[in-house]
Protein backbone atom coordinates (compact mmCIF):
# COMPACT_ATOMS: atom_id res chain seq x y z
CA MET A 1 34.22 48.36 -106.58
CA PRO A 2 35.82 48.32 -103.12
CA GLY A 3 33.00 50.49 -101.93
CA VAL A 4 30.74 48.16 -103.06
CA ARG A 5 32.33 45.66 -101.29
CA GLY A 6 32.66 46.71 -97.65
CA ALA A 7 28.83 48.54 -98.05
CA VAL A 8 27.79 44.76 -98.85
CA ARG A 9 30.31 43.47 -96.06
CA LEU A 10 28.79 46.32 -93.37
CA LEU A 11 25.66 44.90 -94.14
CA LEU A 12 26.04 41.25 -93.59
CA THR A 13 27.56 41.62 -90.37
CA LEU A 14 24.57 44.08 -88.88
CA LEU A 15 22.28 41.20 -90.28
CA VAL A 16 24.46 38.70 -87.86
CA ALA A 17 24.11 40.78 -84.97
CA ALA A 18 20.17 41.20 -85.35
CA GLY A 19 19.95 37.39 -85.05
CA THR A 20 22.28 36.76 -82.81
CA ALA A 21 20.45 38.91 -80.59
CA GLY A 22 17.41 37.28 -81.19
CA TYR A 23 18.85 34.10 -80.85
CA LEU A 24 19.74 35.44 -77.12
CA HIS A 25 16.18 36.74 -76.25
CA ALA A 26 14.65 33.36 -77.11
CA ASP A 27 18.52 31.56 -74.83
CA SER A 28 16.95 33.30 -72.11
CA ARG A 29 14.03 31.74 -71.89
CA VAL A 30 15.22 28.59 -71.71
CA THR A 31 15.05 26.01 -68.66
CA LEU A 32 18.48 25.27 -67.12
CA ALA A 33 17.87 21.40 -68.58
CA ASP A 34 17.77 23.28 -72.67
CA ARG A 35 20.79 25.24 -72.02
CA SER A 36 23.07 23.38 -72.90
CA ALA A 37 21.17 22.32 -76.55
CA ALA A 38 20.67 25.95 -77.07
CA ARG A 39 24.52 27.01 -76.31
CA ALA A 40 24.85 24.59 -79.13
CA GLY A 41 22.60 25.77 -81.31
CA GLY A 42 24.36 29.36 -81.32
CA GLU A 43 27.41 28.02 -81.35
CA ALA A 44 26.29 27.18 -84.64
CA GLY A 45 24.88 30.26 -85.25
CA SER A 46 27.93 31.70 -84.89
CA VAL A 47 29.92 29.20 -87.02
CA ALA A 48 27.48 30.17 -89.82
CA SER A 49 28.61 34.15 -89.33
CA MET A 50 31.39 32.92 -89.53
CA ALA A 51 31.58 31.71 -92.36
CA LEU A 52 29.13 34.04 -94.11
CA THR A 53 32.14 37.60 -92.66
CA GLY A 54 35.74 35.91 -92.86
CA GLU A 55 37.13 37.31 -90.17
CA GLU A 56 35.05 39.41 -88.74
CA GLY A 57 32.74 36.13 -87.77
CA THR A 58 34.10 36.74 -84.07
CA VAL A 59 31.19 39.48 -84.60
CA GLY A 60 28.54 37.24 -83.28
CA ALA A 61 30.21 35.45 -79.68
CA ASN A 62 31.15 39.39 -79.26
CA ALA A 63 27.56 40.74 -79.44
CA ARG A 64 26.28 38.15 -76.79
CA ALA A 65 27.84 38.91 -73.71
CA PRO A 66 26.26 42.76 -74.37
CA ALA A 67 23.37 41.48 -75.17
CA GLY A 68 23.27 39.29 -71.67
CA GLY A 69 24.10 42.15 -69.84
CA ALA A 70 21.39 43.79 -71.57
CA SER A 71 18.43 41.32 -70.97
CA GLY A 72 18.56 41.43 -67.25
CA GLY A 73 17.22 39.89 -65.69
CA SER A 74 16.90 36.82 -68.00
CA ASP A 75 20.92 35.92 -67.39
CA VAL A 76 20.14 37.16 -63.26
CA GLY A 77 17.58 33.83 -63.02
CA ALA A 78 19.77 31.75 -65.42
CA ALA A 79 22.77 32.14 -62.59
CA ALA A 80 20.75 32.11 -60.34
CA GLY A 81 19.88 28.38 -61.33
CA GLN A 82 22.99 27.48 -61.79
CA ALA A 83 23.59 28.93 -58.00
CA ALA A 84 21.07 27.12 -57.02
CA ILE A 85 22.02 23.60 -58.88
CA ALA A 86 25.49 24.66 -57.14
CA SER A 87 24.34 24.94 -53.79
CA ALA A 88 22.40 21.26 -54.11
CA ALA A 89 26.02 19.68 -55.11
CA SER A 90 27.87 20.85 -52.36
CA PRO A 91 27.81 19.04 -48.65
CA ALA A 92 25.62 20.82 -45.84
CA ASP A 93 27.61 23.54 -42.92
CA PRO A 94 28.53 21.63 -40.38
CA ALA A 95 27.26 24.78 -38.97
CA SER A 96 23.51 24.35 -39.93
CA PRO A 97 20.86 24.14 -37.40
CA THR A 98 19.92 21.31 -39.55
CA ALA A 99 23.22 19.39 -38.63
CA THR A 100 22.76 16.20 -36.53
CA ALA A 101 24.54 16.99 -33.19
CA THR A 102 26.80 13.63 -31.96
CA VAL A 103 26.94 12.69 -28.60
CA ALA A 104 29.74 10.75 -26.61
CA PRO A 105 27.76 7.26 -24.56
CA ALA A 106 28.40 7.48 -21.06
CA PRO A 107 31.89 5.87 -19.79
CA ILE A 108 30.86 2.25 -18.05
CA VAL A 109 31.68 1.98 -14.50
CA THR A 110 32.99 -1.22 -13.35
CA VAL A 111 32.99 -2.01 -9.77
CA THR A 112 34.03 -4.77 -7.51
CA VAL A 113 31.93 -5.55 -4.34
CA TRP A 114 31.28 -8.60 -1.71
CA VAL A 115 28.72 -10.36 -1.33
CA VAL A 116 27.60 -12.60 2.14
CA HIS A 117 24.46 -15.17 0.94
CA ASP A 118 23.86 -18.86 2.13
CA GLY A 119 26.57 -18.81 4.38
CA GLN A 120 29.32 -17.95 1.30
CA VAL A 121 31.44 -15.07 0.87
CA ASN A 122 31.87 -14.29 -3.38
CA GLN A 123 33.38 -11.20 -4.75
CA VAL A 124 31.70 -9.47 -7.88
CA THR A 125 32.78 -6.78 -10.20
CA THR A 126 29.75 -5.30 -12.18
CA THR A 127 28.64 -3.06 -14.34
CA ALA A 128 25.70 -2.97 -11.97
CA ALA A 129 24.32 0.60 -11.09
CA THR A 130 22.30 -0.82 -8.07
CA VAL A 131 22.85 -4.04 -5.20
CA GLY A 132 19.13 -4.87 -6.80
CA GLN A 133 20.93 -5.51 -10.38
CA MET A 134 23.99 -7.28 -9.21
CA LEU A 135 22.38 -9.45 -7.12
CA GLN A 136 19.83 -10.55 -10.72
CA GLY A 137 23.20 -10.17 -12.61
CA SER A 138 24.79 -12.91 -10.46
CA GLY A 139 21.63 -14.90 -10.50
CA ILE A 140 21.54 -15.00 -6.58
CA ARG A 141 17.25 -14.67 -6.49
CA LEU A 142 15.52 -13.19 -3.77
CA SER A 143 12.34 -14.07 -2.18
CA SER A 144 9.16 -11.95 -0.81
CA LEU A 145 10.43 -12.75 2.73
CA ASP A 146 14.30 -12.15 2.42
CA LYS A 147 16.21 -8.94 3.45
CA VAL A 148 19.86 -7.46 1.83
CA SER A 149 21.49 -5.03 3.05
CA PRO A 150 22.29 -2.27 2.08
CA GLY A 151 18.62 -2.40 0.27
CA PRO A 152 18.09 -3.49 -3.78
CA THR A 153 17.76 0.22 -4.72
CA ALA A 154 20.65 1.55 -3.00
CA ALA A 155 23.28 2.44 -5.85
CA LEU A 156 26.93 0.15 -5.77
CA THR A 157 29.89 1.10 -4.98
CA GLY A 158 33.23 0.00 -5.78
CA GLY A 159 34.46 -2.21 -1.99
CA THR A 160 30.37 -2.09 -0.66
CA THR A 161 30.19 -6.20 1.29
CA ILE A 162 26.34 -6.34 0.65
CA ARG A 163 24.90 -9.27 3.23
CA VAL A 164 21.71 -11.05 1.95
CA TYR A 165 19.69 -12.61 4.38
CA ARG A 166 17.61 -15.68 3.50
CA VAL A 167 14.09 -15.60 5.91
CA THR A 168 11.62 -18.25 6.41
CA GLN A 169 8.40 -18.98 8.20
CA THR A 170 6.47 -21.72 9.99
CA VAL A 171 3.02 -21.89 11.42
CA THR A 172 2.29 -23.55 14.65
CA SER A 173 -1.35 -24.04 16.07
CA THR A 174 -1.92 -25.04 20.24
CA VAL A 175 -4.96 -25.65 21.47
CA VAL A 176 -5.83 -23.50 24.32
CA THR A 177 -8.47 -24.54 27.88
CA ILE A 178 -10.23 -21.05 29.00
CA ASN A 179 -11.48 -21.99 32.57
CA ASP A 180 -15.16 -20.40 32.82
CA LYS A 181 -15.25 -18.00 35.62
CA LYS A 182 -16.92 -18.70 38.20
CA VAL A 183 -19.43 -15.44 38.91
CA THR A 184 -21.68 -15.15 41.80
CA LYS A 185 -25.09 -11.96 42.35
CA PRO A 186 -27.16 -11.26 45.07
CA SER A 187 -30.85 -12.43 44.21
CA THR A 188 -34.31 -11.61 46.37
CA SER A 189 -35.25 -14.41 44.99
CA VAL A 190 -33.10 -16.69 47.16
CA GLU A 191 -34.18 -16.87 50.79
CA MET A 192 -31.13 -14.98 52.20
CA GLY A 193 -28.77 -17.88 53.77
CA LEU A 194 -29.56 -19.98 50.42
CA THR A 195 -27.51 -19.88 47.27
CA ALA A 196 -28.55 -21.12 44.34
CA THR A 197 -27.23 -21.34 40.49
CA ALA A 198 -28.36 -19.73 37.84
CA GLN A 199 -26.39 -21.15 34.83
CA SER A 200 -23.73 -23.74 34.69
CA GLY A 201 -20.18 -23.15 34.21
CA VAL A 202 -18.25 -24.29 30.25
CA ASN A 203 -14.36 -24.00 30.02
CA GLY A 204 -13.71 -22.86 26.43
CA THR A 205 -11.37 -23.71 23.99
CA THR A 206 -9.40 -22.03 21.03
CA GLU A 207 -7.34 -22.68 18.61
CA LYS A 208 -3.92 -20.40 18.25
CA ASP A 209 -1.40 -20.38 15.48
CA TYR A 210 1.89 -18.64 16.28
CA THR A 211 4.35 -17.91 13.35
CA LYS A 212 8.25 -18.48 13.82
CA THR A 213 10.55 -16.46 12.04
CA TYR A 214 14.22 -17.53 11.10
CA GLN A 215 17.05 -15.69 9.92
CA ASP A 216 19.55 -17.70 7.79
CA GLY A 217 18.18 -20.76 10.40
CA ARG A 218 17.65 -18.98 13.14
CA LEU A 219 14.67 -18.15 15.16
CA VAL A 220 14.64 -14.53 15.50
CA SER A 221 11.09 -13.57 16.51
CA THR A 222 7.61 -15.73 17.68
CA ALA A 223 4.21 -13.86 17.08
CA LEU A 224 0.83 -15.04 17.35
CA SER A 225 -0.85 -14.58 13.80
CA ALA A 226 -4.73 -16.33 14.68
CA THR A 227 -7.07 -17.15 16.96
CA LYS A 228 -10.08 -19.19 16.27
CA VAL A 229 -12.91 -20.07 18.91
CA ILE A 230 -13.54 -24.09 19.00
CA THR A 231 -15.93 -24.27 21.96
CA ALA A 232 -16.80 -20.79 23.76
CA GLU A 233 -16.61 -20.35 27.42
CA ARG A 234 -19.43 -19.71 29.79
CA ASP A 235 -19.52 -18.41 32.85
CA ALA A 236 -20.98 -20.33 36.23
CA VAL A 237 -23.28 -17.93 37.66
CA THR A 238 -24.39 -18.62 40.81
CA LEU A 239 -27.25 -16.24 42.81
CA ILE A 240 -26.23 -14.91 46.59
CA GLY A 241 -30.04 -14.85 48.29
CA SER A 242 -31.13 -11.41 50.22
CA GLY A 243 -34.81 -12.26 50.36
CA GLN A 244 -36.95 -13.06 53.25
CA PRO A 245 -40.96 -15.36 53.46
CA ASN A 246 -43.36 -12.87 53.25
CA PHE A 247 -44.82 -12.46 56.48
CA VAL A 248 -48.44 -12.14 57.07
CA SER A 249 -50.00 -11.68 60.57
CA HIS A 250 -52.82 -13.81 61.71
CA GLY A 251 -52.84 -12.42 65.31
CA GLY A 252 -50.53 -15.10 66.90
CA SER A 253 -48.17 -13.55 69.15
CA GLN A 254 -45.64 -15.11 71.89
CA SER A 255 -42.37 -13.91 73.72
CA GLY A 256 -39.08 -15.79 75.89
CA ALA A 257 -35.45 -16.94 75.14
CA ALA A 258 -34.30 -17.76 71.45
CA SER A 259 -30.76 -19.37 71.01
CA TRP A 260 -29.50 -20.90 67.79
CA TYR A 261 -28.95 -24.43 65.75
CA SER A 262 -26.83 -25.37 62.79
CA THR A 263 -29.67 -25.24 59.80
CA ALA A 264 -29.49 -23.31 56.25
CA GLY A 265 -31.24 -20.36 55.00
CA LEU A 266 -34.06 -19.09 57.85
CA SER A 267 -35.29 -21.86 58.36
CA SER A 268 -36.21 -22.18 62.43
CA ALA A 269 -37.93 -24.73 65.38
CA SER A 270 -41.04 -24.33 67.46
CA PRO A 271 -42.75 -27.13 69.46
CA THR A 272 -45.65 -26.64 68.05
CA LEU A 273 -46.12 -24.26 65.78
CA PRO A 274 -46.86 -26.43 62.21
CA PHE A 275 -44.47 -26.27 59.65
CA GLY A 276 -43.73 -23.69 57.00
CA THR A 277 -45.55 -21.38 59.75
CA VAL A 278 -43.65 -18.15 58.52
CA VAL A 279 -43.04 -16.19 61.72
CA LYS A 280 -41.74 -12.99 62.08
CA VAL A 281 -39.00 -13.20 65.43
CA THR A 282 -38.25 -9.17 67.12
CA ASP A 283 -35.05 -9.05 69.55
CA VAL A 284 -36.84 -6.58 72.05
CA ALA A 285 -33.33 -5.27 73.22
CA ASN A 286 -32.70 -3.49 70.13
CA GLY A 287 -35.74 -3.97 68.10
CA HIS A 288 -34.34 -5.75 65.03
CA SER A 289 -36.41 -8.20 63.27
CA ILE A 290 -35.94 -11.20 60.68
CA ASN A 291 -38.66 -13.69 59.53
CA VAL A 292 -37.72 -17.16 59.39
CA VAL A 293 -40.15 -20.68 58.36
CA ILE A 294 -40.65 -23.60 60.92
CA ARG A 295 -38.68 -26.63 59.56
CA ASP A 296 -37.95 -27.98 62.29
CA ARG A 297 -39.01 -29.53 66.02
CA GLY A 298 -37.92 -27.88 69.00
CA PRO A 299 -35.95 -26.15 71.46
CA SER A 300 -35.96 -29.92 73.38
CA ALA A 301 -34.01 -27.95 76.28
CA GLY A 302 -35.86 -25.84 78.78
CA GLY A 303 -35.54 -22.09 80.93
CA GLY A 304 -38.38 -20.33 78.74
CA ARG A 305 -37.06 -21.39 74.78
CA VAL A 306 -39.61 -20.31 72.22
CA ILE A 307 -37.84 -21.10 69.54
CA ASP A 308 -34.68 -22.24 67.54
CA LEU A 309 -32.79 -19.84 64.97
CA SER A 310 -30.54 -20.94 62.27
CA PRO A 311 -27.08 -18.59 62.58
CA THR A 312 -28.29 -16.70 59.74
CA ALA A 313 -31.63 -15.64 60.89
CA PHE A 314 -29.91 -15.50 64.24
CA SER A 315 -27.61 -13.22 63.50
CA ARG A 316 -29.62 -10.30 61.91
CA LEU A 317 -30.44 -9.77 65.36
CA ALA A 318 -27.52 -10.28 67.86
CA PRO A 319 -24.14 -11.89 67.07
CA LEU A 320 -23.85 -15.40 67.95
CA GLY A 321 -21.84 -15.19 70.54
CA SER A 322 -24.80 -13.53 72.63
CA GLY A 323 -25.82 -17.08 72.94
CA VAL A 324 -29.86 -17.06 73.76
CA ILE A 325 -31.71 -13.33 73.28
CA THR A 326 -35.27 -12.33 74.80
CA VAL A 327 -37.68 -12.55 71.51
CA LYS A 328 -41.36 -11.73 70.63
CA LEU A 329 -42.87 -13.95 68.04
CA GLN A 330 -45.75 -12.82 65.46
CA TRP A 331 -47.73 -15.79 63.16
């Protein structure tokens, strides 16, 4: 009977081992989430085996480890899953590229400056970086004309004196009279020795605007900023005669003495020739000639004088100081 009992015990042991191997093979297919349940089932199987085999009941438990090693990838995958879970639960590596770097903020610099403005001097302590930022932070407003030294964009440094110049402007208007110009022009259409007005002159008026610039209440510049013509100026044009009356010979001639008297243009005096007659007068001594118009009677004195000429006509023949010259008349 001892031999039969040992054979039965061996058979039971083999059956339990085969069941345990099957369990391990199935257990390797479950997910990590189901392993706890599978283990619970395995432990229950081990307890049952132990109940069947008595003190040899540890065979199922001892067989699990070799079976796991033999199954290869099954337990390796489970181990990898457990490692992944452990890795997910562990804190991030500070050396990882995805780690967020902490940048220290730039230190705040405080400076003290002096500000001269509006007749007062103020000491200002500020964290502003530029002159403009400091003025804005101090409530000092600037107009478009105001000036600042150093400029608003200048970097602010401790101990600097900033000066604000208040600039204002005013505009004054003045009406200016422009006198007309006196212009003379020679003209053959006007008789020699006479003048004629071609155009009357008109004085012009112009309004001029002057911009005055004040800096802190002190006048620093005055500039002409606009000009408006109210009345246009017009030149006075006078024509200076250079023409002679047109001479047409009618066959008349006479020789004698000529003198001059006070009259205008190319006027002349004859004892007998009709008024308006154009006479050609030639100086016998030098051949110079001039055309004149008979407008007066004379000369009244004797001495062989046949004509008296205007100063303009006589001076074309000889100097006025000559007094009397010998001439030939043609009409």
